[in-house]
Amino acid sequence: TVRMPDNLAETVEVVARARGISVNSLVIDALTTEVERVKRDDDFMARLRELTARDKEILDRLAQ
């Protein structure tokens, strides 16, 4: 389940119908495209590496 404003949900439904696909497929396509975009974003990937390194430090402390 994805919650979104009514006007966006209506627009998404119209776009999906016009493309001949389900809303679910449209959302999956959009999310897949976004994930691929951020994977190519060097700044994003650097921030992600920093966050995961920090999370690992915290988890390692908790495991002690």
N, C-alpha and C. Protein backbone atom coordinates (compact mmCIF):
# COMPACT_ATOMS: atom_id res chain seq x y z
N THR A 1 0.84 -1.18 0.00
CA THR A 1 0.00 0.00 0.00
C THR A 1 0.89 1.23 0.00
N VAL A 2 0.56 2.15 -0.85
CA VAL A 2 1.27 3.43 -0.91
C VAL A 2 0.24 4.53 -0.70
N ARG A 3 0.54 5.42 0.23
CA ARG A 3 -0.36 6.55 0.47
C ARG A 3 0.17 7.76 -0.28
N MET A 4 -0.74 8.46 -0.95
CA MET A 4 -0.36 9.67 -1.66
C MET A 4 -1.57 10.60 -1.70
N PRO A 5 -1.31 11.87 -1.96
CA PRO A 5 -2.44 12.80 -2.05
C PRO A 5 -3.42 12.36 -3.14
N ASP A 6 -4.69 12.66 -2.92
CA ASP A 6 -5.73 12.24 -3.87
C ASP A 6 -5.46 12.72 -5.29
N ASN A 7 -5.00 13.97 -5.43
CA ASN A 7 -4.79 14.48 -6.78
C ASN A 7 -3.65 13.74 -7.49
N LEU A 8 -2.62 13.34 -6.74
CA LEU A 8 -1.54 12.56 -7.34
C LEU A 8 -2.04 11.16 -7.69
N ALA A 9 -2.83 10.56 -6.83
CA ALA A 9 -3.37 9.22 -7.09
C ALA A 9 -4.24 9.22 -8.35
N GLU A 10 -5.04 10.27 -8.50
CA GLU A 10 -5.88 10.38 -9.70
C GLU A 10 -5.02 10.51 -10.96
N THR A 11 -3.97 11.32 -10.87
CA THR A 11 -3.08 11.51 -12.02
C THR A 11 -2.36 10.21 -12.36
N VAL A 12 -1.89 9.52 -11.35
CA VAL A 12 -1.20 8.24 -11.55
C VAL A 12 -2.13 7.25 -12.23
N GLU A 13 -3.36 7.20 -11.79
CA GLU A 13 -4.32 6.27 -12.39
C GLU A 13 -4.55 6.59 -13.87
N VAL A 14 -4.68 7.87 -14.19
CA VAL A 14 -4.90 8.26 -15.59
C VAL A 14 -3.68 7.92 -16.44
N VAL A 15 -2.48 8.21 -15.91
CA VAL A 15 -1.26 7.91 -16.66
C VAL A 15 -1.15 6.41 -16.89
N ALA A 16 -1.40 5.62 -15.86
CA ALA A 16 -1.32 4.16 -16.00
C ALA A 16 -2.32 3.66 -17.05
N ARG A 17 -3.57 4.16 -16.97
CA ARG A 17 -4.58 3.73 -17.95
C ARG A 17 -4.15 4.10 -19.36
N ALA A 18 -3.62 5.31 -19.54
CA ALA A 18 -3.20 5.76 -20.87
C ALA A 18 -2.04 4.93 -21.40
N ARG A 19 -1.20 4.45 -20.49
CA ARG A 19 -0.08 3.59 -20.91
C ARG A 19 -0.51 2.14 -21.07
N GLY A 20 -1.71 1.82 -20.63
CA GLY A 20 -2.21 0.44 -20.74
C GLY A 20 -1.59 -0.50 -19.72
N ILE A 21 -1.21 0.06 -18.56
CA ILE A 21 -0.61 -0.75 -17.51
C ILE A 21 -1.35 -0.48 -16.20
N SER A 22 -1.07 -1.30 -15.22
CA SER A 22 -1.69 -1.10 -13.90
C SER A 22 -0.96 0.01 -13.15
N VAL A 23 -1.65 0.54 -12.15
CA VAL A 23 -1.01 1.52 -11.28
C VAL A 23 0.19 0.88 -10.60
N ASN A 24 0.06 -0.36 -10.20
CA ASN A 24 1.16 -1.09 -9.58
C ASN A 24 2.38 -1.11 -10.50
N SER A 25 2.16 -1.43 -11.77
CA SER A 25 3.28 -1.47 -12.72
C SER A 25 3.90 -0.10 -12.90
N LEU A 26 3.08 0.94 -12.95
CA LEU A 26 3.60 2.29 -13.10
C LEU A 26 4.46 2.68 -11.90
N VAL A 27 3.99 2.36 -10.70
CA VAL A 27 4.75 2.67 -9.50
C VAL A 27 6.06 1.89 -9.48
N ILE A 28 6.01 0.62 -9.82
CA ILE A 28 7.23 -0.19 -9.87
C ILE A 28 8.22 0.38 -10.89
N ASP A 29 7.72 0.76 -12.07
CA ASP A 29 8.59 1.36 -13.09
C ASP A 29 9.23 2.65 -12.58
N ALA A 30 8.43 3.49 -11.93
CA ALA A 30 8.94 4.77 -11.43
C ALA A 30 10.00 4.55 -10.34
N LEU A 31 9.73 3.62 -9.44
CA LEU A 31 10.69 3.35 -8.37
C LEU A 31 11.97 2.73 -8.91
N THR A 32 11.83 1.83 -9.87
CA THR A 32 13.02 1.22 -10.48
C THR A 32 13.87 2.27 -11.16
N THR A 33 13.23 3.19 -11.88
CA THR A 33 13.95 4.28 -12.55
C THR A 33 14.67 5.14 -11.53
N GLU A 34 14.01 5.47 -10.42
CA GLU A 34 14.63 6.31 -9.39
C GLU A 34 15.81 5.61 -8.74
N VAL A 35 15.68 4.33 -8.45
CA VAL A 35 16.78 3.58 -7.85
C VAL A 35 17.98 3.55 -8.80
N GLU A 36 17.74 3.32 -10.07
CA GLU A 36 18.83 3.33 -11.04
C GLU A 36 19.48 4.70 -11.13
N ARG A 37 18.68 5.77 -11.03
CA ARG A 37 19.22 7.13 -11.09
C ARG A 37 20.13 7.40 -9.91
N VAL A 38 19.68 7.06 -8.69
CA VAL A 38 20.50 7.36 -7.53
C VAL A 38 21.76 6.49 -7.48
N LYS A 39 21.70 5.30 -8.05
CA LYS A 39 22.89 4.44 -8.10
C LYS A 39 23.99 5.08 -8.94
N ARG A 40 23.61 5.92 -9.90
CA ARG A 40 24.59 6.62 -10.74
C ARG A 40 25.02 7.96 -10.16
N ASP A 41 24.41 8.36 -9.05
CA ASP A 41 24.69 9.65 -8.40
C ASP A 41 25.82 9.46 -7.39
N ASP A 42 27.01 9.95 -7.75
CA ASP A 42 28.18 9.74 -6.89
C ASP A 42 28.01 10.35 -5.50
N ASP A 43 27.40 11.54 -5.41
CA ASP A 43 27.18 12.17 -4.10
C ASP A 43 26.25 11.33 -3.24
N PHE A 44 25.18 10.84 -3.83
CA PHE A 44 24.25 10.00 -3.09
C PHE A 44 24.94 8.73 -2.60
N MET A 45 25.70 8.09 -3.48
CA MET A 45 26.36 6.85 -3.10
C MET A 45 27.38 7.08 -1.99
N ALA A 46 28.06 8.22 -2.01
CA ALA A 46 29.02 8.54 -0.94
C ALA A 46 28.28 8.70 0.39
N ARG A 47 27.14 9.41 0.37
CA ARG A 47 26.34 9.57 1.59
C ARG A 47 25.83 8.22 2.08
N LEU A 48 25.42 7.38 1.16
CA LEU A 48 24.93 6.05 1.53
C LEU A 48 26.03 5.22 2.19
N ARG A 49 27.23 5.29 1.63
CA ARG A 49 28.36 4.56 2.24
C ARG A 49 28.65 5.08 3.64
N GLU A 50 28.60 6.41 3.84
CA GLU A 50 28.82 6.98 5.16
C GLU A 50 27.75 6.50 6.15
N LEU A 51 26.50 6.51 5.71
CA LEU A 51 25.42 6.07 6.59
C LEU A 51 25.55 4.60 6.96
N THR A 52 25.86 3.77 5.99
CA THR A 52 25.97 2.34 6.29
C THR A 52 27.18 2.05 7.17
N ALA A 53 28.27 2.81 6.99
CA ALA A 53 29.44 2.64 7.86
C ALA A 53 29.07 3.02 9.29
N ARG A 54 28.34 4.10 9.45
CA ARG A 54 27.89 4.53 10.78
C ARG A 54 26.96 3.49 11.39
N ASP A 55 26.02 2.99 10.60
CA ASP A 55 25.11 1.94 11.11
C ASP A 55 25.88 0.71 11.55
N LYS A 56 26.91 0.34 10.79
CA LYS A 56 27.72 -0.83 11.14
C LYS A 56 28.43 -0.60 12.47
N GLU A 57 28.96 0.61 12.68
CA GLU A 57 29.60 0.93 13.95
C GLU A 57 28.63 0.75 15.11
N ILE A 58 27.42 1.26 14.94
CA ILE A 58 26.41 1.15 16.00
C ILE A 58 26.04 -0.31 16.25
N LEU A 59 25.84 -1.07 15.20
CA LEU A 59 25.49 -2.48 15.36
C LEU A 59 26.62 -3.26 16.02
N ASP A 60 27.86 -2.94 15.64
CA ASP A 60 29.01 -3.61 16.28
C ASP A 60 29.06 -3.31 17.77
N ARG A 61 28.77 -2.06 18.17
CA ARG A 61 28.73 -1.71 19.59
C ARG A 61 27.63 -2.46 20.32
N LEU A 62 26.47 -2.57 19.68
CA LEU A 62 25.35 -3.28 20.30
C LEU A 62 25.66 -4.77 20.48
N ALA A 63 26.44 -5.32 19.57
CA ALA A 63 26.75 -6.75 19.62
C ALA A 63 27.77 -7.10 20.71
N GLN A 64 28.42 -6.09 21.27
CA GLN A 64 29.44 -6.36 22.31
C GLN A 64 28.82 -6.71 23.63
